Amino acid sequence: MSSPSRHYLASLVLGIAAAFLACVIYIVGVVTVGIGWPLLNARFGNAGTGGGSAMIESGTLLVIAVIGFAFGFVWRFRRSAGRRNTD
């Protein structure tokens, strides 16, 4: 048997991990598209110099983290709640 506080703790840990993972995926995506796309465009399209930049704003990153946390927390909490009802 597991206590409800364990379910909350497991959900909290997974929510934090999901928030971190969402931020990492967002940062990698912004850097890849922001720098890689102009380079590919200059290489194959013969337009521009190929110089690119990437800007990551803290507000956007915070929103991504909150969405990732909420998704991870709710997903884990619903899974553990389903198991709790079958015990």
PDB file of N, CA and C in Angstrom:
ATOM      1  N   MET A   1       0.839  -1.181   0.000  1.00  0.00           N
ATOM      2  CA  MET A   1       0.000   0.000   0.000  1.00  0.00           C
ATOM      3  C   MET A   1       0.879   1.236   0.000  1.00  0.00           C
ATOM      4  N   SER A   2       0.422   2.207  -0.705  1.00  0.00           N
ATOM      5  CA  SER A   2       1.181   3.446  -0.756  1.00  0.00           C
ATOM      6  C   SER A   2       0.299   4.598  -0.289  1.00  0.00           C
ATOM      7  N   SER A   3       0.944   5.560   0.307  1.00  0.00           N
ATOM      8  CA  SER A   3       0.204   6.682   0.863  1.00  0.00           C
ATOM      9  C   SER A   3      -0.026   7.751  -0.203  1.00  0.00           C
ATOM     10  N   PRO A   4      -1.031   8.588  -0.003  1.00  0.00           N
ATOM     11  CA  PRO A   4      -1.291   9.674  -0.966  1.00  0.00           C
ATOM     12  C   PRO A   4      -0.122  10.646  -1.083  1.00  0.00           C
ATOM     13  N   SER A   5       0.626  10.834   0.005  1.00  0.00           N
ATOM     14  CA  SER A   5       1.758  11.755  -0.074  1.00  0.00           C
ATOM     15  C   SER A   5       2.839  11.226  -1.015  1.00  0.00           C
ATOM     16  N   ARG A   6       2.945   9.902  -1.114  1.00  0.00           N
ATOM     17  CA  ARG A   6       3.889   9.326  -2.074  1.00  0.00           C
ATOM     18  C   ARG A   6       3.477   9.623  -3.505  1.00  0.00           C
ATOM     19  N   HIS A   7       2.195   9.605  -3.757  1.00  0.00           N
ATOM     20  CA  HIS A   7       1.698   9.899  -5.095  1.00  0.00           C
ATOM     21  C   HIS A   7       2.003  11.352  -5.466  1.00  0.00           C
ATOM     22  N   TYR A   8       1.790  12.245  -4.496  1.00  0.00           N
ATOM     23  CA  TYR A   8       2.100  13.648  -4.746  1.00  0.00           C
ATOM     24  C   TYR A   8       3.598  13.851  -4.959  1.00  0.00           C
ATOM     25  N   LEU A   9       4.422  13.184  -4.167  1.00  0.00           N
ATOM     26  CA  LEU A   9       5.873  13.324  -4.301  1.00  0.00           C
ATOM     27  C   LEU A   9       6.353  12.782  -5.642  1.00  0.00           C
ATOM     28  N   ALA A  10       5.855  11.625  -6.036  1.00  0.00           N
ATOM     29  CA  ALA A  10       6.238  11.060  -7.330  1.00  0.00           C
ATOM     30  C   ALA A  10       5.760  11.961  -8.464  1.00  0.00           C
ATOM     31  N   SER A  11       4.575  12.519  -8.340  1.00  0.00           N
ATOM     32  CA  SER A  11       4.059  13.433  -9.360  1.00  0.00           C
ATOM     33  C   SER A  11       4.879  14.710  -9.412  1.00  0.00           C
ATOM     34  N   LEU A  12       5.296  15.200  -8.256  1.00  0.00           N
ATOM     35  CA  LEU A  12       6.117  16.406  -8.202  1.00  0.00           C
ATOM     36  C   LEU A  12       7.475  16.180  -8.866  1.00  0.00           C
ATOM     37  N   VAL A  13       8.092  15.056  -8.572  1.00  0.00           N
ATOM     38  CA  VAL A  13       9.398  14.750  -9.165  1.00  0.00           C
ATOM     39  C   VAL A  13       9.269  14.610 -10.681  1.00  0.00           C
ATOM     40  N   LEU A  14       8.252  13.903 -11.135  1.00  0.00           N
ATOM     41  CA  LEU A  14       8.076  13.752 -12.574  1.00  0.00           C
ATOM     42  C   LEU A  14       7.716  15.077 -13.229  1.00  0.00           C
ATOM     43  N   GLY A  15       6.966  15.909 -12.544  1.00  0.00           N
ATOM     44  CA  GLY A  15       6.640  17.229 -13.090  1.00  0.00           C
ATOM     45  C   GLY A  15       7.875  18.090 -13.266  1.00  0.00           C
ATOM     46  N   ILE A  16       8.778  18.055 -12.293  1.00  0.00           N
ATOM     47  CA  ILE A  16      10.026  18.812 -12.390  1.00  0.00           C
ATOM     48  C   ILE A  16      10.888  18.271 -13.527  1.00  0.00           C
ATOM     49  N   ALA A  17      10.970  16.958 -13.640  1.00  0.00           N
ATOM     50  CA  ALA A  17      11.749  16.351 -14.725  1.00  0.00           C
ATOM     51  C   ALA A  17      11.144  16.707 -16.084  1.00  0.00           C
ATOM     52  N   ALA A  18       9.831  16.701 -16.188  1.00  0.00           N
ATOM     53  CA  ALA A  18       9.178  17.052 -17.450  1.00  0.00           C
ATOM     54  C   ALA A  18       9.400  18.520 -17.791  1.00  0.00           C
ATOM     55  N   ALA A  19       9.388  19.391 -16.788  1.00  0.00           N
ATOM     56  CA  ALA A  19       9.655  20.813 -17.024  1.00  0.00           C
ATOM     57  C   ALA A  19      11.072  21.014 -17.539  1.00  0.00           C
ATOM     58  N   PHE A  20      12.028  20.328 -16.933  1.00  0.00           N
ATOM     59  CA  PHE A  20      13.423  20.433 -17.367  1.00  0.00           C
ATOM     60  C   PHE A  20      13.582  19.907 -18.792  1.00  0.00           C
ATOM     61  N   LEU A  21      12.984  18.768 -19.073  1.00  0.00           N
ATOM     62  CA  LEU A  21      13.082  18.176 -20.405  1.00  0.00           C
ATOM     63  C   LEU A  21      12.420  19.070 -21.458  1.00  0.00           C
ATOM     64  N   ALA A  22      11.287  19.659 -21.130  1.00  0.00           N
ATOM     65  CA  ALA A  22      10.616  20.557 -22.069  1.00  0.00           C
ATOM     66  C   ALA A  22      11.478  21.773 -22.365  1.00  0.00           C
ATOM     67  N   CYS A  23      12.146  22.314 -21.347  1.00  0.00           N
ATOM     68  CA  CYS A  23      13.030  23.468 -21.551  1.00  0.00           C
ATOM     69  C   CYS A  23      14.223  23.092 -22.421  1.00  0.00           C
ATOM     70  N   VAL A  24      14.804  21.936 -22.181  1.00  0.00           N
ATOM     71  CA  VAL A  24      15.949  21.496 -22.982  1.00  0.00           C
ATOM     72  C   VAL A  24      15.536  21.307 -24.443  1.00  0.00           C
ATOM     73  N   ILE A  25      14.398  20.675 -24.669  1.00  0.00           N
ATOM     74  CA  ILE A  25      13.922  20.463 -26.040  1.00  0.00           C
ATOM     75  C   ILE A  25      13.655  21.805 -26.718  1.00  0.00           C
ATOM     76  N   TYR A  26      13.073  22.739 -25.984  1.00  0.00           N
ATOM     77  CA  TYR A  26      12.797  24.063 -26.545  1.00  0.00           C
ATOM     78  C   TYR A  26      14.094  24.794 -26.905  1.00  0.00           C
ATOM     79  N   ILE A  27      15.065  24.767 -26.010  1.00  0.00           N
ATOM     80  CA  ILE A  27      16.335  25.451 -26.260  1.00  0.00           C
ATOM     81  C   ILE A  27      17.056  24.838 -27.456  1.00  0.00           C
ATOM     82  N   VAL A  28      17.113  23.523 -27.505  1.00  0.00           N
ATOM     83  CA  VAL A  28      17.772  22.857 -28.643  1.00  0.00           C
ATOM     84  C   VAL A  28      17.053  23.200 -29.942  1.00  0.00           C
ATOM     85  N   GLY A  29      15.732  23.214 -29.919  1.00  0.00           N
ATOM     86  CA  GLY A  29      14.973  23.553 -31.119  1.00  0.00           C
ATOM     87  C   GLY A  29      15.208  24.979 -31.581  1.00  0.00           C
ATOM     88  N   VAL A  30      15.211  25.930 -30.647  1.00  0.00           N
ATOM     89  CA  VAL A  30      15.426  27.327 -31.008  1.00  0.00           C
ATOM     90  C   VAL A  30      16.829  27.539 -31.561  1.00  0.00           C
ATOM     91  N   VAL A  31      17.817  26.943 -30.933  1.00  0.00           N
ATOM     92  CA  VAL A  31      19.190  27.098 -31.405  1.00  0.00           C
ATOM     93  C   VAL A  31      19.370  26.423 -32.761  1.00  0.00           C
ATOM     94  N   THR A  32      18.824  25.240 -32.913  1.00  0.00           N
ATOM     95  CA  THR A  32      18.963  24.514 -34.173  1.00  0.00           C
ATOM     96  C   THR A  32      18.299  25.269 -35.325  1.00  0.00           C
ATOM     97  N   VAL A  33      17.082  25.718 -35.126  1.00  0.00           N
ATOM     98  CA  VAL A  33      16.372  26.427 -36.186  1.00  0.00           C
ATOM     99  C   VAL A  33      16.964  27.821 -36.388  1.00  0.00           C
ATOM    100  N   GLY A  34      17.273  28.505 -35.299  1.00  0.00           N
ATOM    101  CA  GLY A  34      17.783  29.877 -35.402  1.00  0.00           C
ATOM    102  C   GLY A  34      19.145  29.985 -36.060  1.00  0.00           C
ATOM    103  N   ILE A  35      19.997  29.007 -35.856  1.00  0.00           N
ATOM    104  CA  ILE A  35      21.334  29.041 -36.438  1.00  0.00           C
ATOM    105  C   ILE A  35      21.424  28.144 -37.667  1.00  0.00           C
ATOM    106  N   GLY A  36      20.805  26.994 -37.619  1.00  0.00           N
ATOM    107  CA  GLY A  36      20.920  26.029 -38.712  1.00  0.00           C
ATOM    108  C   GLY A  36      20.167  26.408 -39.962  1.00  0.00           C
ATOM    109  N   TRP A  37      18.976  26.986 -39.824  1.00  0.00           N
ATOM    110  CA  TRP A  37      18.178  27.305 -40.994  1.00  0.00           C
ATOM    111  C   TRP A  37      18.851  28.340 -41.902  1.00  0.00           C
ATOM    112  N   PRO A  38      19.363  29.463 -41.385  1.00  0.00           N
ATOM    113  CA  PRO A  38      20.057  30.405 -42.279  1.00  0.00           C
ATOM    114  C   PRO A  38      21.296  29.795 -42.949  1.00  0.00           C
ATOM    115  N   LEU A  39      21.986  28.915 -42.245  1.00  0.00           N
ATOM    116  CA  LEU A  39      23.144  28.263 -42.851  1.00  0.00           C
ATOM    117  C   LEU A  39      22.729  27.353 -44.003  1.00  0.00           C
ATOM    118  N   LEU A  40      21.676  26.582 -43.801  1.00  0.00           N
ATOM    119  CA  LEU A  40      21.186  25.718 -44.881  1.00  0.00           C
ATOM    120  C   LEU A  40      20.635  26.537 -46.047  1.00  0.00           C
ATOM    121  N   ASN A  41      19.963  27.618 -45.729  1.00  0.00           N
ATOM    122  CA  ASN A  41      19.411  28.468 -46.770  1.00  0.00           C
ATOM    123  C   ASN A  41      20.523  29.098 -47.604  1.00  0.00           C
ATOM    124  N   ALA A  42      21.579  29.540 -46.964  1.00  0.00           N
ATOM    125  CA  ALA A  42      22.698  30.133 -47.690  1.00  0.00           C
ATOM    126  C   ALA A  42      23.440  29.071 -48.499  1.00  0.00           C
ATOM    127  N   ARG A  43      23.525  27.892 -47.971  1.00  0.00           N
ATOM    128  CA  ARG A  43      24.256  26.816 -48.646  1.00  0.00           C
ATOM    129  C   ARG A  43      23.536  26.323 -49.897  1.00  0.00           C
ATOM    130  N   PHE A  44      22.243  26.100 -49.793  1.00  0.00           N
ATOM    131  CA  PHE A  44      21.507  25.511 -50.903  1.00  0.00           C
ATOM    132  C   PHE A  44      20.696  26.520 -51.710  1.00  0.00           C
ATOM    133  N   GLY A  45      20.381  27.641 -51.125  1.00  0.00           N
ATOM    134  CA  GLY A  45      19.563  28.623 -51.833  1.00  0.00           C
ATOM    135  C   GLY A  45      20.363  29.769 -52.419  1.00  0.00           C
ATOM    136  N   ASN A  46      21.653  29.840 -52.129  1.00  0.00           N
ATOM    137  CA  ASN A  46      22.522  30.910 -52.610  1.00  0.00           C
ATOM    138  C   ASN A  46      21.971  32.288 -52.272  1.00  0.00           C
ATOM    139  N   ALA A  47      21.379  32.418 -51.102  1.00  0.00           N
ATOM    140  CA  ALA A  47      20.850  33.704 -50.678  1.00  0.00           C
ATOM    141  C   ALA A  47      21.348  34.002 -49.274  1.00  0.00           C
ATOM    142  N   GLY A  48      21.863  35.180 -49.083  1.00  0.00           N
ATOM    143  CA  GLY A  48      22.305  35.591 -47.757  1.00  0.00           C
ATOM    144  C   GLY A  48      23.708  35.128 -47.438  1.00  0.00           C
ATOM    145  N   THR A  49      24.117  35.476 -46.238  1.00  0.00           N
ATOM    146  CA  THR A  49      25.479  35.168 -45.805  1.00  0.00           C
ATOM    147  C   THR A  49      25.568  33.898 -44.982  1.00  0.00           C
ATOM    148  N   GLY A  50      24.462  33.419 -44.514  1.00  0.00           N
ATOM    149  CA  GLY A  50      24.476  32.227 -43.685  1.00  0.00           C
ATOM    150  C   GLY A  50      24.618  32.528 -42.205  1.00  0.00           C
ATOM    151  N   GLY A  51      24.569  33.795 -41.848  1.00  0.00           N
ATOM    152  CA  GLY A  51      24.667  34.168 -40.436  1.00  0.00           C
ATOM    153  C   GLY A  51      23.318  34.069 -39.764  1.00  0.00           C
ATOM    154  N   GLY A  52      23.271  33.388 -38.659  1.00  0.00           N
ATOM    155  CA  GLY A  52      22.016  33.225 -37.943  1.00  0.00           C
ATOM    156  C   GLY A  52      22.194  33.543 -36.477  1.00  0.00           C
ATOM    157  N   SER A  53      21.110  33.716 -35.803  1.00  0.00           N
ATOM    158  CA  SER A  53      21.165  33.964 -34.365  1.00  0.00           C
ATOM    159  C   SER A  53      19.979  33.275 -33.698  1.00  0.00           C
ATOM    160  N   ALA A  54      20.121  33.079 -32.430  1.00  0.00           N
ATOM    161  CA  ALA A  54      19.048  32.469 -31.654  1.00  0.00           C
ATOM    162  C   ALA A  54      18.851  33.286 -30.388  1.00  0.00           C
ATOM    163  N   MET A  55      17.598  33.602 -30.080  1.00  0.00           N
ATOM    164  CA  MET A  55      17.300  34.373 -28.875  1.00  0.00           C
ATOM    165  C   MET A  55      16.289  33.595 -28.041  1.00  0.00           C
ATOM    166  N   ILE A  56      16.638  33.379 -26.802  1.00  0.00           N
ATOM    167  CA  ILE A  56      15.763  32.645 -25.890  1.00  0.00           C
ATOM    168  C   ILE A  56      15.342  33.606 -24.793  1.00  0.00           C
ATOM    169  N   GLU A  57      14.067  33.875 -24.705  1.00  0.00           N
ATOM    170  CA  GLU A  57      13.558  34.800 -23.702  1.00  0.00           C
ATOM    171  C   GLU A  57      13.120  34.038 -22.454  1.00  0.00           C
ATOM    172  N   SER A  58      13.316  34.651 -21.315  1.00  0.00           N
ATOM    173  CA  SER A  58      12.992  33.971 -20.057  1.00  0.00           C
ATOM    174  C   SER A  58      11.488  33.781 -19.883  1.00  0.00           C
ATOM    175  N   GLY A  59      10.683  34.699 -20.399  1.00  0.00           N
ATOM    176  CA  GLY A  59       9.233  34.554 -20.280  1.00  0.00           C
ATOM    177  C   GLY A  59       8.719  33.338 -21.024  1.00  0.00           C
ATOM    178  N   THR A  60       9.211  33.157 -22.233  1.00  0.00           N
ATOM    179  CA  THR A  60       8.810  31.997 -23.024  1.00  0.00           C
ATOM    180  C   THR A  60       9.291  30.717 -22.381  1.00  0.00           C
ATOM    181  N   LEU A  61      10.504  30.746 -21.869  1.00  0.00           N
ATOM    182  CA  LEU A  61      11.060  29.568 -21.210  1.00  0.00           C
ATOM    183  C   LEU A  61      10.259  29.209 -19.957  1.00  0.00           C
ATOM    184  N   LEU A  62       9.804  30.208 -19.232  1.00  0.00           N
ATOM    185  CA  LEU A  62       8.980  29.965 -18.042  1.00  0.00           C
ATOM    186  C   LEU A  62       7.645  29.327 -18.422  1.00  0.00           C
ATOM    187  N   VAL A  63       7.041  29.806 -19.487  1.00  0.00           N
ATOM    188  CA  VAL A  63       5.771  29.224 -19.944  1.00  0.00           C
ATOM    189  C   VAL A  63       5.972  27.767 -20.351  1.00  0.00           C
ATOM    190  N   ILE A  64       7.053  27.490 -21.086  1.00  0.00           N
ATOM    191  CA  ILE A  64       7.356  26.116 -21.496  1.00  0.00           C
ATOM    192  C   ILE A  64       7.565  25.232 -20.264  1.00  0.00           C
ATOM    193  N   ALA A  65       8.270  25.752 -19.254  1.00  0.00           N
ATOM    194  CA  ALA A  65       8.520  24.980 -18.036  1.00  0.00           C
ATOM    195  C   ALA A  65       7.220  24.691 -17.279  1.00  0.00           C
ATOM    196  N   VAL A  66       6.353  25.672 -17.187  1.00  0.00           N
ATOM    197  CA  VAL A  66       5.079  25.476 -16.473  1.00  0.00           C
ATOM    198  C   VAL A  66       4.206  24.458 -17.206  1.00  0.00           C
ATOM    199  N   ILE A  67       4.152  24.548 -18.523  1.00  0.00           N
ATOM    200  CA  ILE A  67       3.366  23.585 -19.297  1.00  0.00           C
ATOM    201  C   ILE A  67       3.956  22.182 -19.142  1.00  0.00           C
ATOM    202  N   GLY A  68       5.277  22.065 -19.214  1.00  0.00           N
ATOM    203  CA  GLY A  68       5.918  20.766 -19.032  1.00  0.00           C
ATOM    204  C   GLY A  68       5.676  20.195 -17.648  1.00  0.00           C
ATOM    205  N   PHE A  69       5.765  21.048 -16.631  1.00  0.00           N
ATOM    206  CA  PHE A  69       5.514  20.592 -15.262  1.00  0.00           C
ATOM    207  C   PHE A  69       4.074  20.118 -15.104  1.00  0.00           C
ATOM    208  N   ALA A  70       3.145  20.909 -15.604  1.00  0.00           N
ATOM    209  CA  ALA A  70       1.730  20.547 -15.464  1.00  0.00           C
ATOM    210  C   ALA A  70       1.440  19.224 -16.170  1.00  0.00           C
ATOM    211  N   PHE A  71       1.970  19.065 -17.368  1.00  0.00           N
ATOM    212  CA  PHE A  71       1.749  17.821 -18.107  1.00  0.00           C
ATOM    213  C   PHE A  71       2.324  16.627 -17.350  1.00  0.00           C
ATOM    214  N   GLY A  72       3.568  16.735 -16.885  1.00  0.00           N
ATOM    215  CA  GLY A  72       4.204  15.627 -16.166  1.00  0.00           C
ATOM    216  C   GLY A  72       3.510  15.310 -14.850  1.00  0.00           C
ATOM    217  N   PHE A  73       3.137  16.353 -14.111  1.00  0.00           N
ATOM    218  CA  PHE A  73       2.486  16.154 -12.822  1.00  0.00           C
ATOM    219  C   PHE A  73       1.137  15.470 -13.000  1.00  0.00           C
ATOM    220  N   VAL A  74       0.315  15.987 -13.901  1.00  0.00           N
ATOM    221  CA  VAL A  74      -1.025  15.429 -14.103  1.00  0.00           C
ATOM    222  C   VAL A  74      -0.938  14.005 -14.641  1.00  0.00           C
ATOM    223  N   TRP A  75      -0.019  13.760 -15.575  1.00  0.00           N
ATOM    224  CA  TRP A  75       0.126  12.428 -16.142  1.00  0.00           C
ATOM    225  C   TRP A  75       0.479  11.412 -15.065  1.00  0.00           C
ATOM    226  N   ARG A  76       1.458  11.731 -14.228  1.00  0.00           N
ATOM    227  CA  ARG A  76       1.873  10.802 -13.172  1.00  0.00           C
ATOM    228  C   ARG A  76       0.787  10.665 -12.098  1.00  0.00           C
ATOM    229  N   PHE A  77       0.149  11.754 -11.751  1.00  0.00           N
ATOM    230  CA  PHE A  77      -0.869  11.700 -10.702  1.00  0.00           C
ATOM    231  C   PHE A  77      -2.066  10.866 -11.155  1.00  0.00           C
ATOM    232  N   ARG A  78      -2.464  10.997 -12.409  1.00  0.00           N
ATOM    233  CA  ARG A  78      -3.593  10.209 -12.911  1.00  0.00           C
ATOM    234  C   ARG A  78      -3.244   8.731 -12.974  1.00  0.00           C
ATOM    235  N   ARG A  79      -2.000   8.429 -13.360  1.00  0.00           N
ATOM    236  CA  ARG A  79      -1.582   7.023 -13.399  1.00  0.00           C
ATOM    237  C   ARG A  79      -1.571   6.422 -12.000  1.00  0.00           C
ATOM    238  N   SER A  80      -1.055   7.175 -11.029  1.00  0.00           N
ATOM    239  CA  SER A  80      -0.996   6.630  -9.670  1.00  0.00           C
ATOM    240  C   SER A  80      -2.397   6.574  -9.049  1.00  0.00           C
ATOM    241  N   ALA A  81      -3.266   7.483  -9.418  1.00  0.00           N
ATOM    242  CA  ALA A  81      -4.637   7.444  -8.895  1.00  0.00           C
ATOM    243  C   ALA A  81      -5.379   6.239  -9.440  1.00  0.00           C
ATOM    244  N   GLY A  82      -5.120   5.875 -10.672  1.00  0.00           N
ATOM    245  CA  GLY A  82      -5.754   4.695 -11.261  1.00  0.00           C
ATOM    246  C   GLY A  82      -5.306   3.420 -10.575  1.00  0.00           C
ATOM    247  N   ARG A  83      -4.052   3.344 -10.235  1.00  0.00           N
ATOM    248  CA  ARG A  83      -3.542   2.175  -9.514  1.00  0.00           C
ATOM    249  C   ARG A  83      -4.075   2.120  -8.098  1.00  0.00           C
ATOM    250  N   ARG A  84      -4.266   3.266  -7.498  1.00  0.00           N
ATOM    251  CA  ARG A  84      -4.751   3.314  -6.122  1.00  0.00           C
ATOM    252  C   ARG A  84      -6.169   2.761  -6.031  1.00  0.00           C
ATOM    253  N   ASN A  85      -6.978   3.005  -7.058  1.00  0.00           N
ATOM    254  CA  ASN A  85      -8.360   2.531  -7.027  1.00  0.00           C
ATOM    255  C   ASN A  85      -8.463   1.018  -7.212  1.00  0.00           C
ATOM    256  N   THR A  86      -7.456   0.396  -7.834  1.00  0.00           N
ATOM    257  CA  THR A  86      -7.535  -1.041  -8.068  1.00  0.00           C
ATOM    258  C   THR A  86      -6.979  -1.850  -6.913  1.00  0.00           C
ATOM    259  N   ASP A  87      -6.305  -1.228  -5.963  1.00  0.00           N
ATOM    260  CA  ASP A  87      -5.722  -1.955  -4.822  1.00  0.00           C
ATOM    261  C   ASP A  87      -6.775  -2.372  -3.819  1.00  0.00           C
TER     262      ASP A  87
END
